[in-house]
Protein backbone atom coordinates (compact mmCIF):
# COMPACT_ATOMS: atom_id res chain seq x y z
CA MET A 1 -32.38 -31.98 84.20
CA SER A 2 -29.01 -31.25 82.71
CA GLN A 3 -27.79 -27.73 82.47
CA GLN A 4 -26.12 -26.74 79.23
CA LEU A 5 -22.94 -24.75 79.65
CA SER A 6 -21.75 -22.48 76.93
CA HIS A 7 -18.16 -21.51 76.41
CA ASP A 8 -17.19 -18.38 74.51
CA PRO A 9 -13.40 -18.05 74.22
CA ARG A 10 -13.76 -14.28 73.70
CA THR A 11 -15.18 -13.87 77.23
CA ASP A 12 -13.45 -16.72 79.08
CA VAL A 13 -11.45 -15.18 81.96
CA GLY A 14 -8.22 -17.02 81.13
CA THR A 15 -8.47 -16.25 77.44
CA VAL A 16 -9.18 -12.57 78.08
CA ALA A 17 -6.22 -12.35 80.47
CA MET A 18 -3.90 -13.93 77.89
CA ARG A 19 -5.24 -11.66 75.14
CA ASP A 20 -4.61 -8.61 77.33
CA LEU A 21 -1.08 -9.84 78.03
CA TYR A 22 -0.42 -10.32 74.32
CA MET A 23 -1.75 -6.83 73.63
CA LYS A 24 0.41 -5.34 76.37
CA THR A 25 3.61 -7.01 75.18
CA GLY A 26 2.89 -6.92 71.43
CA GLN A 27 4.80 -4.42 69.31
CA GLY A 28 2.51 -4.51 66.28
CA PHE A 29 -0.85 -5.92 65.31
CA LEU A 30 -2.60 -7.29 62.24
CA LEU A 31 -6.33 -6.61 62.50
CA VAL A 32 -7.84 -9.23 60.22
CA PHE A 33 -11.46 -9.57 59.13
CA SER A 34 -13.20 -11.64 56.48
CA ILE A 35 -14.46 -9.76 53.43
CA THR A 36 -17.37 -12.24 53.51
CA SER A 37 -18.51 -11.19 57.01
CA THR A 38 -19.62 -7.73 58.11
CA SER A 39 -19.66 -8.85 61.76
CA SER A 40 -15.95 -9.71 61.62
CA LEU A 41 -15.23 -6.16 60.45
CA SER A 42 -17.38 -4.73 63.26
CA GLU A 43 -15.23 -6.51 65.87
CA LEU A 44 -12.06 -4.70 64.72
CA ALA A 45 -13.03 -1.33 66.20
CA GLY A 46 -13.33 -2.85 69.67
CA LEU A 47 -10.03 -4.69 69.29
CA ARG A 48 -8.25 -1.55 68.14
CA GLU A 49 -9.64 0.48 71.06
CA GLU A 50 -8.59 -2.25 73.48
CA ILE A 51 -5.06 -2.32 72.04
CA ILE A 52 -4.77 1.48 72.30
CA ARG A 53 -6.11 1.41 75.87
CA ILE A 54 -3.81 -1.38 77.03
CA LYS A 55 -0.74 0.03 75.25
CA ASP A 56 -1.66 3.61 76.24
CA ASP A 57 -0.46 4.65 72.79
CA GLU A 58 -2.48 6.01 69.87
CA ASN A 59 0.33 5.22 67.39
CA VAL A 60 0.61 1.45 67.70
CA PRO A 61 1.91 -0.21 64.52
CA LEU A 62 -1.00 -1.97 62.88
CA VAL A 63 -2.25 -3.15 59.52
CA ILE A 64 -5.88 -3.78 58.59
CA VAL A 65 -6.37 -6.91 56.50
CA GLY A 66 -9.48 -7.98 54.61
CA ASN A 67 -8.94 -11.73 54.32
CA LYS A 68 -10.50 -14.23 51.89
CA ALA A 69 -9.87 -12.01 48.87
CA ASP A 70 -10.20 -15.16 46.76
CA LEU A 71 -13.92 -15.28 47.65
CA GLU A 72 -14.88 -12.12 45.76
CA GLU A 73 -18.22 -13.66 44.73
CA ASN A 74 -19.18 -13.91 48.44
CA ARG A 75 -18.02 -10.39 49.36
CA ALA A 76 -20.14 -8.75 52.07
CA VAL A 77 -17.76 -5.91 52.96
CA PRO A 78 -17.18 -3.37 50.17
CA ARG A 79 -13.52 -2.59 49.47
CA ALA A 80 -14.32 1.11 50.00
CA LYS A 81 -15.42 0.35 53.59
CA GLY A 82 -12.00 -1.16 54.36
CA PHE A 83 -10.23 1.85 52.85
CA SER A 84 -12.48 4.23 54.78
CA ILE A 85 -11.62 2.61 58.11
CA SER A 86 -7.96 2.53 57.10
CA GLN A 87 -7.92 6.27 56.48
CA ARG A 88 -9.80 7.03 59.70
CA TRP A 89 -7.36 4.97 61.78
CA GLY A 90 -4.26 6.00 59.84
CA ALA A 91 -3.33 2.38 59.12
CA PRO A 92 -2.60 0.64 55.81
CA TYR A 93 -5.27 -1.64 54.34
CA TYR A 94 -4.66 -4.80 52.36
CA GLU A 95 -6.93 -7.42 50.93
CA ALA A 96 -5.31 -10.81 51.23
CA SER A 97 -5.97 -14.49 50.69
CA ALA A 98 -4.39 -17.15 52.84
CA ARG A 99 -5.51 -19.73 50.27
CA THR A 100 -3.77 -18.11 47.30
CA ARG A 101 -1.10 -16.32 49.43
CA THR A 102 -2.12 -13.00 47.87
CA ASN A 103 -0.59 -10.12 49.91
CA VAL A 104 0.27 -12.42 52.84
CA ASP A 105 3.97 -11.51 52.81
CA GLU A 106 3.18 -7.85 52.14
CA VAL A 107 1.06 -7.39 55.28
CA PHE A 108 3.80 -8.82 57.50
CA ILE A 109 6.50 -6.79 55.76
CA ASP A 110 4.47 -3.59 56.20
CA LEU A 111 3.86 -4.33 59.88
CA CYS A 112 7.54 -5.15 60.50
CA ARG A 113 8.62 -1.92 58.81
CA GLN A 114 6.26 0.06 61.04
CA MET A 115 7.61 -1.71 64.12
CA LEU A 116 11.23 -1.03 63.13
CA ARG A 117 10.43 2.61 62.40
CA LYS A 118 8.74 3.02 65.79
CA GLU A 119 11.64 1.34 67.59
CA ASP A 120 14.16 3.57 65.79
CA GLU A 121 12.13 6.67 66.73
CA GLN A 122 11.93 5.60 70.38
CA HIS A 123 15.67 5.02 70.58
CA ALA A 124 16.38 8.33 68.86
CA ASN A 125 14.20 10.07 71.46
CA ASP A 126 15.86 8.22 74.35
CA GLY A 127 19.30 9.54 73.49
CA PRO A 128 22.58 7.69 73.91
CA ASN A 129 23.34 5.74 77.08
CA ASP A 130 25.62 2.91 78.24
CA ASP A 131 23.33 0.15 76.98
CA TYR A 132 22.64 1.66 73.61
CA LYS A 133 24.72 4.06 71.55
CA TYR A 134 22.54 5.56 68.85
CA ASP A 135 25.34 7.76 67.55
CA HIS A 136 26.71 4.81 65.56
CA GLY A 137 23.72 5.15 63.27
CA ARG A 138 20.98 2.95 62.06
CA SER A 139 23.12 0.01 60.92
CA SER A 140 24.67 -0.37 64.37
CA HIS A 141 21.19 -0.40 65.88
CA ARG A 142 20.05 -3.11 63.47
CA ARG A 143 23.13 -5.25 64.19
CA GLN A 144 22.48 -4.90 67.90
CA ARG A 145 18.82 -5.84 67.39
CA ARG A 146 19.86 -9.07 65.60
CA ARG A 147 21.97 -10.10 68.61
CA ARG A 148 19.04 -10.11 71.04
CA LYS A 149 18.79 -12.90 73.55
CA LYS A 150 16.64 -15.94 72.92
CA ASP A 151 14.05 -14.72 75.44
CA SER A 152 13.25 -11.59 73.41
CA PRO A 153 9.63 -11.06 72.25
CA ARG A 154 8.27 -13.34 69.56
CA CYS A 155 5.42 -13.05 67.10
CA VAL A 156 2.12 -14.30 68.54
CA ILE A 157 -0.99 -14.92 66.47
CA LEU A 158 -4.33 -15.04 68.27
């Protein structure tokens, strides 16, 4: 009698550990669901709570994205539901399509702007020190950011 093993990458110990690591080191997050699947939207609340718990920060840069906007005829999640969650979480909401590239650039631009704003705020709150002189203004900070070492954080998509 053979025993059937099931594998769920969402609960696999190694996968969960890597996901937690990505959440801990990530600076911003795109929470993406399919507008054709109510269950995919339901999973976002848990992901958001996990990110907030791991980061220990209620104000993590994030963008909510309803994907597959090109499949309007198969829509299962009303646009108003996405906006409602967006307002409750204080995060922007976009409907996008990877197939037609609708709003794809915009969601990344919005997320990057949030991340830059948060980084600028953190450095402003830290005050000047030997490693970082904020008194040279925003442009100096951006130049310094561009000169980061090759081992600096990268974008990771799960």
